Amino acid sequence: MHYQVAIEAFGWSNDAIVEEQLQLQYEFFKVLALEKEVELRINFIGSLSEFSCFRNALTAYFQPFSILLDSQRQAWLSTTPEKLLVDYPIELKPVIT
């Protein structure tokens, strides 16, 4: 079982806010005496061009399996293929995990 915590900051133009947010989350878990139970995972999609390449690669990867996708997932394939990494038909489990 896992849980996720997120903090968002709008209007900041530098990366210092990221460090501040991480510190704030650490302090939150420390107050709860859970800091030793926490694992930090950073999800960074990269630049816009890198993310575009990532999406193109996912689309190309999943295209041969499109026959197994329902209409909603087929729509995702052309717009947001990264959703298929977490919400996929059971038949695709061997090629995703």
Foldseek 3Di string as FASTA:
>chain_A
DDDDDDDDDPDDDDDVVVVVVVVVVLVVCVVVVCNVVDDDDDDDCDDPVSVVVVLVVLLVVCVVVLVQDDPVQVVCSVPPSVVCLPDHPPVCVVVRD
